[in-house]
Amino acid sequence: MTKKFIPSTTSSRIASSVALFISFAVPFTWMLSTGLVWAAARKIPGSVSDTSISFPTGIPLVIIIFISWWAVFFVSHRAVKSKLRVTLVSNLAAVLAFCACFTFQFGAAEWNPVPDPGLINIFPIRFALAVLIAFACSMFAALYLAPRTDNSIASNLGLQ
């Protein structure tokens, strides 16, 4: 089954676009909603606060990520030939739209790592990890799905 899925994903524009979106959106939203960061932050001495994206409050944020990523992807994929560049620009647009919507929904105080003396907010760390992991996954997917030229020795010698 894997053999048949991989060639169709790399050759189909729609399938590769969906794979690129999933490679960004799933790690990004998972890191923003998982309890792993909170479990690790409990070890920090002092008071710790966190803003995790949960189901009812996260719906508008996920919709914003979806709309902004696809809008930028469809606008730029015709003008730019590199899947990596289009993907990175789409990722950046989704992150910026998320930041704007998150700030509007929760307030600018959630971005402050030390809101009060003795209190540590781990959301900026959670957000940085989400962006780092999502961009890395998306970059690897874009590099994998990029069209390749055949530079094998056999084709260069004209044996194929």
C-alpha atoms as a PDB file:
ATOM      1  CA  MET A   1       0.000   0.000   0.000  1.00  0.00           C
ATOM      2  CA  THR A   2       2.816   2.440   0.762  1.00  0.00           C
ATOM      3  CA  LYS A   3       4.408   1.888  -2.621  1.00  0.00           C
ATOM      4  CA  LYS A   4       1.286   3.028  -4.455  1.00  0.00           C
ATOM      5  CA  PHE A   5       0.554   6.017  -2.166  1.00  0.00           C
ATOM      6  CA  ILE A   6       3.998   7.641  -2.365  1.00  0.00           C
ATOM      7  CA  PRO A   7       4.237   7.976  -6.158  1.00  0.00           C
ATOM      8  CA  SER A   8       0.698   9.322  -6.400  1.00  0.00           C
ATOM      9  CA  THR A   9       1.405  11.925  -3.692  1.00  0.00           C
ATOM     10  CA  THR A  10       4.525  13.205  -5.406  1.00  0.00           C
ATOM     11  CA  SER A  11       2.924  13.373  -8.857  1.00  0.00           C
ATOM     12  CA  SER A  12      -0.475  14.836  -7.925  1.00  0.00           C
ATOM     13  CA  ARG A  13      -0.680  18.580  -7.233  1.00  0.00           C
ATOM     14  CA  ILE A  14      -3.712  18.264  -4.995  1.00  0.00           C
ATOM     15  CA  ALA A  15      -2.277  15.377  -2.991  1.00  0.00           C
ATOM     16  CA  SER A  16       1.075  17.089  -2.519  1.00  0.00           C
ATOM     17  CA  SER A  17      -0.664  20.340  -1.495  1.00  0.00           C
ATOM     18  CA  VAL A  18      -2.729  18.497   1.093  1.00  0.00           C
ATOM     19  CA  ALA A  19       0.378  16.667   2.329  1.00  0.00           C
ATOM     20  CA  LEU A  20       2.216  19.990   2.683  1.00  0.00           C
ATOM     21  CA  PHE A  21      -0.673  21.505   4.641  1.00  0.00           C
ATOM     22  CA  ILE A  22      -0.939  18.482   6.923  1.00  0.00           C
ATOM     23  CA  SER A  23       2.828  18.466   7.493  1.00  0.00           C
ATOM     24  CA  PHE A  24       2.515  21.988   8.898  1.00  0.00           C
ATOM     25  CA  ALA A  25      -0.912  22.101  10.551  1.00  0.00           C
ATOM     26  CA  VAL A  26      -0.823  18.840  12.484  1.00  0.00           C
ATOM     27  CA  PRO A  27       2.490  19.423  14.339  1.00  0.00           C
ATOM     28  CA  PHE A  28       1.661  23.099  14.907  1.00  0.00           C
ATOM     29  CA  THR A  29      -1.765  22.514  16.426  1.00  0.00           C
ATOM     30  CA  TRP A  30      -0.611  19.422  18.308  1.00  0.00           C
ATOM     31  CA  MET A  31       2.226  21.289  20.042  1.00  0.00           C
ATOM     32  CA  LEU A  32      -0.131  24.123  20.973  1.00  0.00           C
ATOM     33  CA  SER A  33      -2.656  21.744  22.513  1.00  0.00           C
ATOM     34  CA  THR A  34      -0.609  18.901  24.002  1.00  0.00           C
ATOM     35  CA  GLY A  35      -0.032  18.478  27.707  1.00  0.00           C
ATOM     36  CA  LEU A  36       3.608  17.451  27.260  1.00  0.00           C
ATOM     37  CA  VAL A  37       4.915  20.992  27.570  1.00  0.00           C
ATOM     38  CA  TRP A  38       2.841  21.551  30.693  1.00  0.00           C
ATOM     39  CA  ALA A  39       4.096  18.287  32.224  1.00  0.00           C
ATOM     40  CA  ALA A  40       7.697  19.334  31.611  1.00  0.00           C
ATOM     41  CA  ALA A  41       7.059  22.830  32.996  1.00  0.00           C
ATOM     42  CA  ARG A  42       5.844  21.504  36.336  1.00  0.00           C
ATOM     43  CA  LYS A  43       9.475  20.787  37.167  1.00  0.00           C
ATOM     44  CA  ILE A  44      10.274  24.526  37.052  1.00  0.00           C
ATOM     45  CA  PRO A  45      10.460  25.979  40.562  1.00  0.00           C
ATOM     46  CA  GLY A  46       7.906  28.679  41.328  1.00  0.00           C
ATOM     47  CA  SER A  47       4.501  29.376  39.870  1.00  0.00           C
ATOM     48  CA  VAL A  48       3.938  28.435  36.256  1.00  0.00           C
ATOM     49  CA  SER A  49       1.045  29.426  34.004  1.00  0.00           C
ATOM     50  CA  ASP A  50       0.221  28.212  30.530  1.00  0.00           C
ATOM     51  CA  THR A  51      -2.313  28.806  27.798  1.00  0.00           C
ATOM     52  CA  SER A  52      -3.118  25.614  25.965  1.00  0.00           C
ATOM     53  CA  ILE A  53      -5.383  25.628  22.949  1.00  0.00           C
ATOM     54  CA  SER A  54      -8.389  23.478  23.824  1.00  0.00           C
ATOM     55  CA  PHE A  55     -11.412  22.386  21.806  1.00  0.00           C
ATOM     56  CA  PRO A  56     -13.920  25.210  22.198  1.00  0.00           C
ATOM     57  CA  THR A  57     -11.418  28.071  22.158  1.00  0.00           C
ATOM     58  CA  GLY A  58      -9.240  26.492  19.495  1.00  0.00           C
ATOM     59  CA  ILE A  59     -11.814  26.222  16.713  1.00  0.00           C
ATOM     60  CA  PRO A  60     -11.414  29.831  15.460  1.00  0.00           C
ATOM     61  CA  LEU A  61      -7.637  29.523  15.671  1.00  0.00           C
ATOM     62  CA  VAL A  62      -7.575  26.320  13.625  1.00  0.00           C
ATOM     63  CA  ILE A  63      -9.921  27.873  11.059  1.00  0.00           C
ATOM     64  CA  ILE A  64      -7.638  30.924  10.799  1.00  0.00           C
ATOM     65  CA  ILE A  65      -4.618  28.653  10.270  1.00  0.00           C
ATOM     66  CA  PHE A  66      -6.503  26.687   7.594  1.00  0.00           C
ATOM     67  CA  ILE A  67      -7.800  29.705   5.674  1.00  0.00           C
ATOM     68  CA  SER A  68      -4.600  31.743   5.763  1.00  0.00           C
ATOM     69  CA  TRP A  69      -2.353  28.819   4.773  1.00  0.00           C
ATOM     70  CA  TRP A  70      -4.515  27.809   1.813  1.00  0.00           C
ATOM     71  CA  ALA A  71      -5.084  31.400   0.653  1.00  0.00           C
ATOM     72  CA  VAL A  72      -1.377  32.189   0.507  1.00  0.00           C
ATOM     73  CA  PHE A  73      -0.568  28.786  -0.983  1.00  0.00           C
ATOM     74  CA  PHE A  74      -3.050  29.168  -3.858  1.00  0.00           C
ATOM     75  CA  VAL A  75      -1.976  32.729  -4.595  1.00  0.00           C
ATOM     76  CA  SER A  76       1.746  32.036  -4.578  1.00  0.00           C
ATOM     77  CA  HIS A  77       2.069  28.521  -5.997  1.00  0.00           C
ATOM     78  CA  ARG A  78       1.465  29.690  -9.557  1.00  0.00           C
ATOM     79  CA  ALA A  79       4.044  32.483  -9.429  1.00  0.00           C
ATOM     80  CA  VAL A  80       6.766  30.655  -7.479  1.00  0.00           C
ATOM     81  CA  LYS A  81       8.005  27.334  -8.819  1.00  0.00           C
ATOM     82  CA  SER A  82       9.757  26.161  -5.644  1.00  0.00           C
ATOM     83  CA  LYS A  83       7.505  24.100  -3.382  1.00  0.00           C
ATOM     84  CA  LEU A  84       9.797  24.846  -0.471  1.00  0.00           C
ATOM     85  CA  ARG A  85       9.457  28.624  -0.848  1.00  0.00           C
ATOM     86  CA  VAL A  86       5.692  28.477  -1.324  1.00  0.00           C
ATOM     87  CA  THR A  87       5.351  26.221   1.698  1.00  0.00           C
ATOM     88  CA  LEU A  88       7.518  28.395   3.931  1.00  0.00           C
ATOM     89  CA  VAL A  89       5.633  31.560   2.911  1.00  0.00           C
ATOM     90  CA  SER A  90       2.305  29.817   3.537  1.00  0.00           C
ATOM     91  CA  ASN A  91       3.545  28.622   6.924  1.00  0.00           C
ATOM     92  CA  LEU A  92       4.654  32.127   7.832  1.00  0.00           C
ATOM     93  CA  ALA A  93       1.270  33.555   6.840  1.00  0.00           C
ATOM     94  CA  ALA A  94      -0.527  30.947   8.953  1.00  0.00           C
ATOM     95  CA  VAL A  95       1.689  31.670  11.966  1.00  0.00           C
ATOM     96  CA  LEU A  96       1.177  35.433  11.640  1.00  0.00           C
ATOM     97  CA  ALA A  97      -2.576  34.989  11.307  1.00  0.00           C
ATOM     98  CA  PHE A  98      -2.556  32.706  14.347  1.00  0.00           C
ATOM     99  CA  CYS A  99      -0.607  35.306  16.349  1.00  0.00           C
ATOM    100  CA  ALA A 100      -3.078  38.046  15.443  1.00  0.00           C
ATOM    101  CA  CYS A 101      -6.130  35.907  16.237  1.00  0.00           C
ATOM    102  CA  PHE A 102      -4.588  34.564  19.460  1.00  0.00           C
ATOM    103  CA  THR A 103      -3.719  38.074  20.651  1.00  0.00           C
ATOM    104  CA  PHE A 104      -7.225  39.275  19.829  1.00  0.00           C
ATOM    105  CA  GLN A 105      -8.826  36.302  21.603  1.00  0.00           C
ATOM    106  CA  PHE A 106      -6.616  35.973  24.713  1.00  0.00           C
ATOM    107  CA  GLY A 107      -4.827  39.326  24.951  1.00  0.00           C
ATOM    108  CA  ALA A 108      -1.236  40.471  24.595  1.00  0.00           C
ATOM    109  CA  ALA A 109      -0.388  39.476  28.180  1.00  0.00           C
ATOM    110  CA  GLU A 110      -0.222  35.803  27.140  1.00  0.00           C
ATOM    111  CA  TRP A 111       2.946  36.519  25.127  1.00  0.00           C
ATOM    112  CA  ASN A 112       4.827  37.801  28.196  1.00  0.00           C
ATOM    113  CA  PRO A 113       7.124  35.061  29.609  1.00  0.00           C
ATOM    114  CA  VAL A 114       7.229  36.718  33.060  1.00  0.00           C
ATOM    115  CA  PRO A 115       3.866  38.465  33.585  1.00  0.00           C
ATOM    116  CA  ASP A 116       4.330  38.942  37.348  1.00  0.00           C
ATOM    117  CA  PRO A 117       7.353  38.518  39.635  1.00  0.00           C
ATOM    118  CA  GLY A 118       7.623  34.855  40.588  1.00  0.00           C
ATOM    119  CA  LEU A 119       5.271  33.718  37.812  1.00  0.00           C
ATOM    120  CA  ILE A 120       6.504  32.095  34.615  1.00  0.00           C
ATOM    121  CA  ASN A 121       4.296  31.825  31.526  1.00  0.00           C
ATOM    122  CA  ILE A 122       5.340  28.886  29.344  1.00  0.00           C
ATOM    123  CA  PHE A 123       3.099  29.716  26.374  1.00  0.00           C
ATOM    124  CA  PRO A 124       5.917  31.565  24.528  1.00  0.00           C
ATOM    125  CA  ILE A 125       8.064  28.424  24.891  1.00  0.00           C
ATOM    126  CA  ARG A 126       5.164  26.260  23.718  1.00  0.00           C
ATOM    127  CA  PHE A 127       4.622  28.557  20.734  1.00  0.00           C
ATOM    128  CA  ALA A 128       8.326  28.581  19.804  1.00  0.00           C
ATOM    129  CA  LEU A 129       8.455  24.775  19.907  1.00  0.00           C
ATOM    130  CA  ALA A 130       5.288  24.554  17.818  1.00  0.00           C
ATOM    131  CA  VAL A 131       6.693  26.875  15.154  1.00  0.00           C
ATOM    132  CA  LEU A 132      10.072  25.105  15.118  1.00  0.00           C
ATOM    133  CA  ILE A 133       8.643  21.603  14.819  1.00  0.00           C
ATOM    134  CA  ALA A 134       5.954  22.586  12.298  1.00  0.00           C
ATOM    135  CA  PHE A 135       8.416  24.421  10.042  1.00  0.00           C
ATOM    136  CA  ALA A 136      10.879  21.507  10.200  1.00  0.00           C
ATOM    137  CA  CYS A 137       8.210  18.926   9.312  1.00  0.00           C
ATOM    138  CA  SER A 138       6.880  21.123   6.549  1.00  0.00           C
ATOM    139  CA  MET A 139      10.349  21.777   5.147  1.00  0.00           C
ATOM    140  CA  PHE A 140      11.168  18.067   5.014  1.00  0.00           C
ATOM    141  CA  ALA A 141       7.842  17.333   3.324  1.00  0.00           C
ATOM    142  CA  ALA A 142       8.418  20.092   0.755  1.00  0.00           C
ATOM    143  CA  LEU A 143      11.899  18.815   0.000  1.00  0.00           C
ATOM    144  CA  TYR A 144      10.575  15.280  -0.363  1.00  0.00           C
ATOM    145  CA  LEU A 145       7.708  16.316  -2.638  1.00  0.00           C
ATOM    146  CA  ALA A 146       9.826  18.623  -4.814  1.00  0.00           C
ATOM    147  CA  PRO A 147      10.291  17.439  -8.393  1.00  0.00           C
ATOM    148  CA  ARG A 148      13.612  15.761  -8.945  1.00  0.00           C
ATOM    149  CA  THR A 149      15.786  15.613 -11.978  1.00  0.00           C
ATOM    150  CA  ASP A 150      17.267  12.275 -12.850  1.00  0.00           C
ATOM    151  CA  ASN A 151      20.993  12.657 -12.274  1.00  0.00           C
ATOM    152  CA  SER A 152      21.891   9.005 -12.104  1.00  0.00           C
ATOM    153  CA  ILE A 153      25.040   7.788 -13.769  1.00  0.00           C
ATOM    154  CA  ALA A 154      23.076   5.576 -16.167  1.00  0.00           C
ATOM    155  CA  SER A 155      20.956   8.446 -17.444  1.00  0.00           C
ATOM    156  CA  ASN A 156      23.983  10.748 -17.802  1.00  0.00           C
ATOM    157  CA  LEU A 157      25.735   8.134 -19.944  1.00  0.00           C
ATOM    158  CA  GLY A 158      22.618   7.633 -22.059  1.00  0.00           C
ATOM    159  CA  LEU A 159      22.145   4.007 -21.009  1.00  0.00           C
ATOM    160  CA  GLN A 160      18.466   4.371 -20.129  1.00  0.00           C
END
